[in-house]
Protein backbone atom coordinates (compact mmCIF):
# COMPACT_ATOMS: atom_id res chain seq x y z
CA MET A 1 97.44 -65.88 -56.50
CA THR A 2 94.87 -63.33 -56.06
CA LYS A 3 95.80 -60.09 -54.38
CA ALA A 4 93.94 -57.12 -52.73
CA VAL A 5 94.66 -53.50 -54.01
CA TYR A 6 94.27 -50.14 -52.04
CA ILE A 7 94.27 -46.97 -54.07
CA HIS A 8 94.52 -43.52 -52.17
CA ILE A 9 93.24 -40.39 -53.64
CA PRO A 10 94.19 -37.76 -51.34
CA PHE A 11 92.10 -34.58 -52.57
CA CYS A 12 88.99 -32.90 -50.94
CA LYS A 13 86.67 -30.26 -51.40
CA THR A 14 86.23 -29.67 -47.80
CA ILE A 15 88.87 -29.42 -44.97
CA CYS A 16 88.37 -31.74 -42.02
CA SER A 17 89.54 -31.24 -38.53
CA TYR A 18 90.84 -34.76 -37.90
CA CYS A 19 92.93 -35.68 -41.22
CA ASP A 20 96.08 -34.41 -42.27
CA PHE A 21 95.35 -35.45 -45.76
CA CYS A 22 92.32 -33.42 -45.87
CA LYS A 23 94.57 -30.38 -46.12
CA ARG A 24 94.85 -30.85 -49.94
CA PHE A 25 92.10 -28.84 -51.71
CA TYR A 26 90.93 -30.30 -55.07
CA ASP A 27 92.89 -28.83 -57.77
CA GLU A 28 92.15 -30.08 -61.29
CA GLU A 29 95.55 -29.71 -62.40
CA LYS A 30 97.33 -31.41 -59.86
CA VAL A 31 94.62 -34.22 -59.67
CA ASP A 32 95.37 -34.83 -63.18
CA LYS A 33 99.35 -34.88 -62.46
CA TYR A 34 98.21 -37.23 -59.53
CA LEU A 35 96.70 -39.49 -61.49
CA ASP A 36 99.50 -39.72 -64.01
CA ALA A 37 101.99 -40.57 -61.16
CA LEU A 38 99.50 -43.10 -59.87
CA GLU A 39 99.31 -44.89 -63.31
CA ASN A 40 103.28 -45.25 -63.49
CA GLU A 41 103.24 -46.37 -60.01
CA ILE A 42 100.76 -49.30 -60.77
CA LYS A 43 102.66 -50.17 -64.00
CA LEU A 44 105.94 -50.08 -62.01
CA LYS A 45 104.81 -52.40 -59.16
CA TYR A 46 101.96 -54.28 -60.19
CA ASN A 47 102.71 -57.93 -61.15
CA GLY A 48 99.79 -59.23 -62.98
CA GLU A 49 97.90 -61.17 -60.55
CA SER A 50 94.22 -61.48 -60.50
CA ILE A 51 92.77 -58.93 -58.22
CA GLU A 52 90.07 -60.35 -55.71
CA THR A 53 89.02 -56.90 -53.57
CA LEU A 54 89.76 -53.15 -54.63
CA TYR A 55 89.29 -50.18 -52.10
CA ILE A 56 89.60 -46.61 -53.42
CA GLY A 57 89.78 -44.46 -50.39
CA GLY A 58 91.58 -41.31 -49.19
CA GLY A 59 90.29 -37.54 -49.16
CA THR A 60 87.89 -38.80 -50.51
CA PRO A 61 87.84 -39.95 -54.21
CA SER A 62 84.33 -38.92 -54.66
CA SER A 63 85.68 -35.24 -55.24
CA LEU A 64 86.79 -36.10 -58.23
CA SER A 65 85.37 -34.64 -61.32
CA ILE A 66 83.77 -36.93 -64.01
CA LYS A 67 86.70 -36.33 -66.27
CA ASN A 68 88.97 -37.38 -63.81
CA LEU A 69 87.12 -40.21 -62.50
CA LYS A 70 87.07 -41.74 -66.09
CA LYS A 71 90.70 -41.40 -66.12
CA LEU A 72 91.02 -43.14 -62.76
CA PHE A 73 88.84 -46.01 -64.15
CA SER A 74 90.93 -46.17 -67.15
CA ILE A 75 94.04 -46.67 -64.75
CA ILE A 76 92.29 -49.44 -62.78
CA ASN A 77 91.63 -51.24 -66.01
CA ILE A 78 95.41 -52.02 -65.77
CA PHE A 79 94.38 -54.79 -62.96
CA HIS A 80 92.98 -58.11 -63.90
CA LEU A 81 89.82 -57.97 -62.61
CA ASP A 82 88.34 -61.15 -63.67
CA LYS A 83 87.93 -62.50 -60.01
CA LEU A 84 87.07 -59.27 -58.44
CA LYS A 85 84.40 -59.95 -55.83
CA GLU A 86 84.27 -56.59 -53.66
CA PHE A 87 85.14 -53.25 -55.22
CA THR A 88 84.61 -50.50 -52.41
CA PHE A 89 84.58 -46.58 -53.13
CA GLU A 90 84.68 -44.03 -50.39
CA CYS A 91 82.14 -41.11 -50.80
CA ASN A 92 81.65 -37.81 -49.17
CA ILE A 93 77.98 -37.38 -48.28
CA ASN A 94 78.17 -33.79 -50.22
CA ASP A 95 79.73 -35.56 -53.22
CA ILE A 96 76.83 -38.26 -53.94
CA GLU A 97 74.96 -37.32 -56.76
CA GLN A 98 73.10 -38.98 -59.84
CA GLU A 99 75.74 -38.88 -62.64
CA LYS A 100 78.94 -39.97 -60.24
CA SER A 101 76.99 -42.65 -58.56
CA LEU A 102 75.54 -44.20 -61.92
CA PHE A 103 79.37 -44.10 -63.40
CA LEU A 104 80.54 -46.05 -59.96
CA TYR A 105 77.68 -48.59 -60.50
CA GLN A 106 78.22 -49.21 -64.14
CA ASN A 107 81.99 -49.67 -63.78
CA LYS A 108 82.07 -52.53 -61.39
CA VAL A 109 81.99 -50.90 -57.99
CA ASN A 110 79.74 -52.91 -55.63
CA ARG A 111 80.23 -51.55 -52.20
CA ILE A 112 79.89 -47.75 -50.96
CA SER A 113 81.69 -46.65 -47.95
CA ILE A 114 80.39 -43.34 -46.33
CA GLY A 115 81.78 -41.06 -43.58
CA ILE A 116 78.44 -39.88 -41.70
CA GLU A 117 80.54 -39.52 -38.42
CA THR A 118 77.96 -37.95 -36.28
CA ILE A 119 74.50 -35.98 -36.86
CA ASP A 120 74.94 -33.78 -34.21
CA LYS A 121 75.18 -30.01 -35.32
CA ASP A 122 77.79 -28.96 -32.73
CA LEU A 123 79.92 -31.71 -33.35
CA LEU A 124 79.80 -31.44 -37.16
CA LYS A 125 81.11 -28.01 -36.70
CA ILE A 126 84.29 -29.27 -34.64
CA LEU A 127 84.97 -31.72 -37.30
CA ASN A 128 84.14 -29.10 -40.03
CA ARG A 129 81.44 -30.97 -41.65
CA ASN A 130 78.05 -29.67 -42.76
CA HIS A 131 75.81 -32.47 -43.67
CA ASP A 132 72.31 -33.30 -41.96
CA LYS A 133 69.97 -36.05 -41.41
CA GLU A 134 67.91 -35.18 -44.47
CA LYS A 135 70.61 -34.85 -46.74
CA ILE A 136 72.33 -38.19 -45.57
CA ILE A 137 68.56 -40.20 -45.86
CA SER A 138 68.27 -38.56 -49.48
CA LYS A 139 71.83 -39.49 -50.66
CA ILE A 140 71.77 -43.10 -49.22
CA ASN A 141 68.33 -43.55 -51.02
CA LEU A 142 69.78 -42.39 -54.17
CA LEU A 143 72.68 -44.87 -53.77
CA LYS A 144 69.93 -47.74 -53.25
CA ASN A 145 67.58 -46.68 -56.09
CA ILE A 146 70.64 -46.82 -58.55
CA GLY A 147 71.25 -50.53 -57.57
CA PHE A 148 73.95 -50.49 -54.48
CA ASP A 149 73.00 -52.90 -51.75
CA ASN A 150 76.35 -53.15 -49.94
CA ILE A 151 76.80 -49.75 -48.21
CA ASN A 152 79.16 -48.94 -45.05
CA VAL A 153 78.73 -46.04 -42.99
CA ASP A 154 81.28 -44.68 -40.55
CA LEU A 155 80.43 -43.61 -36.92
CA MET A 156 82.73 -41.28 -35.19
CA TYR A 157 82.63 -41.40 -31.34
CA ALA A 158 84.56 -39.79 -28.34
CA ILE A 159 84.58 -36.35 -30.29
CA PRO A 160 85.33 -33.15 -28.03
CA ASN A 161 82.21 -32.26 -26.07
CA GLU A 162 80.21 -35.64 -27.06
CA ASN A 163 78.27 -37.03 -24.28
CA ILE A 164 76.42 -40.33 -23.95
CA ASN A 165 73.16 -38.82 -25.06
CA ILE A 166 74.37 -37.52 -28.21
CA LEU A 167 76.12 -40.99 -28.98
CA LYS A 168 72.48 -42.61 -28.54
CA LYS A 169 70.88 -40.27 -31.00
CA ASP A 170 73.79 -40.96 -33.37
CA LEU A 171 73.23 -44.91 -32.89
CA GLU A 172 69.54 -44.52 -33.41
CA PHE A 173 69.95 -42.54 -36.37
CA ILE A 174 72.63 -44.85 -37.88
CA LEU A 175 70.39 -48.16 -37.17
CA SER A 176 67.25 -46.14 -39.02
CA LEU A 177 69.55 -46.22 -42.45
CA ASN A 178 69.54 -50.13 -42.36
CA ALA A 179 73.16 -49.95 -43.69
CA ASN A 180 74.67 -53.56 -44.22
CA HIS A 181 77.95 -52.80 -42.60
CA ILE A 182 79.17 -50.04 -39.83
CA SER A 183 82.42 -49.08 -39.14
CA THR A 184 83.28 -47.26 -35.85
CA TYR A 185 86.20 -44.70 -34.88
CA SER A 186 87.11 -43.43 -31.68
CA LEU A 187 88.54 -39.79 -32.61
CA ILE A 188 92.10 -39.62 -31.79
CA ILE A 189 93.74 -36.15 -32.35
CA GLU A 190 96.92 -36.55 -34.35
CA PRO A 191 99.85 -33.93 -34.20
CA ASN A 192 99.41 -31.24 -37.20
CA THR A 193 95.48 -31.79 -37.49
CA ASN A 194 93.52 -28.69 -37.04
CA LEU A 195 92.20 -30.03 -33.65
CA TYR A 196 95.68 -30.36 -32.50
CA ILE A 197 96.74 -26.95 -33.54
CA LYS A 198 93.70 -25.70 -31.85
CA ASN A 199 94.74 -27.54 -28.62
CA VAL A 200 91.42 -29.33 -28.61
CA LYS A 201 91.46 -31.90 -25.62
CA GLU A 202 90.66 -35.61 -26.20
CA ILE A 203 87.72 -37.01 -24.31
CA GLU A 204 88.61 -38.67 -21.13
CA GLU A 205 89.22 -42.24 -21.53
CA ASN A 206 86.55 -43.57 -18.92
CA VAL A 207 83.93 -41.90 -21.28
CA ASP A 208 85.52 -43.27 -24.16
CA TYR A 209 85.36 -46.82 -22.61
CA ASN A 210 81.64 -46.22 -21.80
CA MET A 211 80.79 -45.37 -25.23
CA TYR A 212 82.72 -48.47 -26.85
CA ASN A 213 80.61 -50.50 -24.86
CA ILE A 214 77.51 -48.87 -25.70
CA ILE A 215 78.11 -49.07 -29.12
CA CYS A 216 78.94 -52.98 -29.10
CA SER A 217 75.77 -53.76 -27.04
CA THR A 218 73.40 -51.52 -29.19
CA LEU A 219 74.61 -52.92 -32.45
CA GLU A 220 74.55 -56.61 -31.52
CA GLU A 221 71.01 -56.03 -30.07
CA ASN A 222 70.12 -54.95 -33.46
CA ASN A 223 71.48 -58.02 -35.13
CA TYR A 224 74.93 -56.63 -36.33
CA LYS A 225 77.47 -59.28 -35.96
CA HIS A 226 80.65 -57.85 -34.00
CA TYR A 227 83.34 -59.22 -36.41
CA GLU A 228 86.32 -56.85 -35.58
CA ILE A 229 87.42 -54.83 -32.92
CA SER A 230 85.78 -51.70 -34.47
CA ASN A 231 83.44 -53.02 -37.38
CA PHE A 232 80.01 -54.39 -37.37
CA CYS A 233 77.74 -55.90 -40.21
CA LYS A 234 74.69 -58.05 -41.13
CA VAL A 235 75.33 -61.50 -41.69
CA GLY A 236 77.31 -62.03 -44.95
CA TYR A 237 78.45 -58.35 -45.26
CA GLU A 238 81.83 -58.48 -43.63
CA SER A 239 84.65 -56.24 -45.65
CA LYS A 240 86.39 -58.76 -47.61
CA HIS A 241 89.18 -56.33 -48.50
CA ASN A 242 89.78 -55.22 -44.83
CA LEU A 243 89.90 -58.94 -43.95
CA THR A 244 92.98 -59.44 -45.96
CA TYR A 245 94.90 -57.01 -43.76
CA TRP A 246 93.59 -58.83 -40.53
CA ASN A 247 94.30 -62.28 -41.79
CA ASN A 248 97.98 -60.64 -42.60
CA ASN A 249 97.87 -61.57 -46.28
CA GLU A 250 99.63 -59.84 -48.91
CA TYR A 251 98.15 -56.65 -50.67
CA TYR A 252 99.06 -53.59 -52.83
CA GLY A 253 98.92 -50.00 -51.86
CA PHE A 254 99.12 -47.50 -54.35
CA GLY A 255 99.15 -43.45 -53.78
CA LEU A 256 100.18 -41.17 -51.62
CA GLY A 257 100.72 -42.37 -47.93
CA SER A 258 99.73 -45.83 -48.94
CA THR A 259 101.04 -49.14 -47.43
CA GLY A 260 101.44 -52.33 -49.11
CA TYR A 261 102.75 -55.86 -48.13
CA ILE A 262 104.27 -57.85 -51.27
CA ASN A 263 106.55 -60.96 -51.14
CA ASN A 264 107.10 -60.40 -47.46
CA LYS A 265 108.33 -56.84 -48.09
CA ARG A 266 106.11 -53.97 -46.23
CA TYR A 267 106.31 -50.69 -47.50
CA THR A 268 104.90 -47.27 -47.01
CA ASN A 269 104.95 -44.45 -49.64
CA THR A 270 105.71 -40.89 -49.40
CA ARG A 271 103.26 -38.21 -47.89
CA SER A 272 104.97 -35.48 -50.19
CA LEU A 273 102.71 -34.51 -53.03
CA ASN A 274 105.72 -33.25 -54.97
CA ASN A 275 107.81 -36.20 -54.43
CA TYR A 276 105.10 -38.66 -55.20
CA ILE A 277 104.37 -36.52 -58.45
CA ASN A 278 107.88 -36.75 -59.46
CA GLY A 279 108.05 -40.57 -59.17
CA GLN A 280 109.52 -40.78 -55.90
CA TYR A 281 106.99 -43.27 -54.36
CA VAL A 282 108.49 -45.14 -51.49
CA LEU A 283 109.32 -43.58 -48.10
CA GLU A 284 110.41 -46.63 -46.55
CA GLU A 285 110.36 -50.46 -47.11
CA ASN A 286 111.37 -53.72 -44.97
CA ILE A 287 111.75 -57.36 -45.57
CA GLU A 288 109.94 -59.14 -42.80
CA SER A 289 111.70 -62.02 -40.84
CA ILE A 290 109.61 -65.00 -40.45
CA ASN A 291 109.30 -64.14 -36.56
CA VAL A 292 108.03 -60.73 -37.73
CA GLN A 293 105.65 -62.42 -40.15
CA MET A 294 104.31 -64.50 -37.10
CA GLU A 295 103.88 -61.79 -34.87
CA ASN A 296 102.00 -59.67 -37.30
CA GLU A 297 99.70 -62.59 -37.98
CA LEU A 298 98.90 -62.73 -34.53
CA MET A 299 98.57 -59.13 -33.62
CA LEU A 300 96.47 -58.58 -36.68
CA GLY A 301 94.26 -61.57 -36.18
CA LEU A 302 93.38 -60.94 -32.84
CA ARG A 303 91.76 -57.76 -34.11
CA LYS A 304 88.94 -60.32 -35.34
CA ILE A 305 86.46 -61.19 -32.88
CA GLU A 306 87.03 -65.09 -33.68
CA GLY A 307 90.69 -64.25 -33.37
CA VAL A 308 93.44 -66.55 -35.23
CA ASN A 309 92.70 -70.15 -36.43
CA LYS A 310 95.27 -72.39 -34.87
CA ASN A 311 95.29 -74.65 -37.86
CA ASN A 312 95.66 -72.04 -40.35
CA PHE A 313 98.60 -70.66 -38.60
CA LEU A 314 100.25 -74.23 -38.51
CA LYS A 315 99.67 -74.52 -42.38
CA LYS A 316 101.14 -71.11 -43.03
CA TYR A 317 104.23 -71.23 -40.93
CA ASN A 318 104.66 -75.01 -40.06
CA LYS A 319 104.61 -73.99 -36.40
CA LYS A 320 102.04 -74.11 -33.63
CA ILE A 321 101.26 -70.89 -31.92
CA GLU A 322 101.79 -71.98 -28.50
CA ASP A 323 105.38 -73.11 -29.60
CA VAL A 324 106.14 -69.65 -30.93
CA PHE A 325 104.59 -67.45 -28.57
CA ASP A 326 104.38 -67.70 -24.41
CA ILE A 327 100.60 -67.32 -24.41
CA ASN A 328 100.11 -69.12 -21.31
CA LYS A 329 100.19 -66.13 -18.78
CA LEU A 330 97.57 -64.24 -21.07
CA LEU A 331 95.42 -67.55 -21.28
CA ASN A 332 95.60 -67.80 -17.49
CA LYS A 333 94.66 -64.55 -16.99
CA LYS A 334 91.66 -64.91 -19.24
CA TYR A 335 92.94 -61.93 -21.59
CA LEU A 336 93.12 -64.59 -24.16
CA ILE A 337 90.66 -67.58 -24.78
CA ASP A 338 91.74 -70.80 -26.65
CA ASN A 339 88.52 -72.81 -27.61
CA GLY A 340 90.82 -75.61 -29.32
CA THR A 341 90.29 -74.14 -32.84
CA ASN A 342 90.88 -70.28 -32.43
CA ILE A 343 92.64 -68.01 -30.03
CA TYR A 344 90.88 -64.70 -29.57
CA ILE A 345 90.71 -61.75 -27.02
CA ASN A 346 88.24 -62.22 -24.26
CA LYS A 347 85.31 -59.89 -25.13
CA LYS A 348 85.99 -58.10 -21.56
CA TYR A 349 89.01 -57.01 -22.83
CA LEU A 350 88.75 -55.70 -26.36
CA TYR A 351 88.91 -52.47 -25.43
CA VAL A 352 92.27 -52.39 -24.04
CA GLU A 353 93.58 -54.94 -26.89
CA ASN A 354 96.49 -52.63 -27.56
CA SER A 355 97.92 -53.49 -24.15
CA ILE A 356 97.52 -57.26 -25.08
CA LEU A 357 98.96 -57.07 -28.48
CA THR A 358 102.32 -55.49 -27.31
CA ASN A 359 103.10 -58.88 -25.48
CA PHE A 360 103.53 -60.41 -29.01
CA ILE A 361 105.97 -57.43 -30.16
CA GLY A 362 109.39 -59.35 -30.55
CA GLY A 363 107.79 -62.23 -28.53
CA ALA A 364 108.22 -64.87 -31.35
CA LYS A 365 110.73 -67.55 -30.24
CA ASN A 366 114.02 -68.02 -32.40
CA GLU A 367 113.70 -71.04 -34.84
């Protein structure tokens, strides 16, 4: 059986304002020890399946030196990659340069994900980023000239002090890049991040809602398929790796803070760098009951615009969705729609999908 793999590289050369992992400055010696621990974790947990999708993300991994990139890719060769379809590598704009990009291209990476977030100078200062339009264009052109034809760009919105006009300018620029995939994120200020410590307030919810609707309509009008609540793509460029999560399929997670789901066991790795380097990888793990598996199938699957396929659910669990969950109330209120093949969230209510999905927590009927 093929599997997906996520590998987290938590080192950065810049500290972002919204990511607690980004407090880890790049340190050659620590990176080397971390990669040794990563190799040991993979050898300990990996069961030898063929790998279909591989995603390397984090702080980001593009901050690695060529020397450490070579070490990382020698570790990756532990996996059976004969059936590899998609290999994504996250890049910081400032790390993209000829030698590294060529190395990635020559070593099976076929998808690049870039965190643009915004091009507004004042908002970039809030996020502690220092790129600009010219730099972004030149770096993406470099990647395309090398041969990368599957590029994702991240757009962040609802940044403190952002307004609709700023968002529209960001969208106009993002569209001009002609990327195959666009991921969107509403900024949530998490505890212990720089913005939280500085007591920066999140944007008002009605503004966030308006921004989400503008993003959806603008991207769809420009021929981007809205296939998951926060993700848009040109035809055929859905993220195969992320669909693994949303289809509730099993995957490996390796590295600091990673999560994984193997043999009905969901686990989370430690966020302590020292513990990880010392081989204390797992923070917590839980064997999922059949009821929890079915709940996750629905809650994750309903993030997709097409929702959950009823026949696939039946094949997987030998039960009909409507026999396991009381969905009639949500169907009657038009929060959910059943078209006979799939059950999905009414597009009018995508923005409040969390409040819909909470209906299924603990809602599976006992066998």
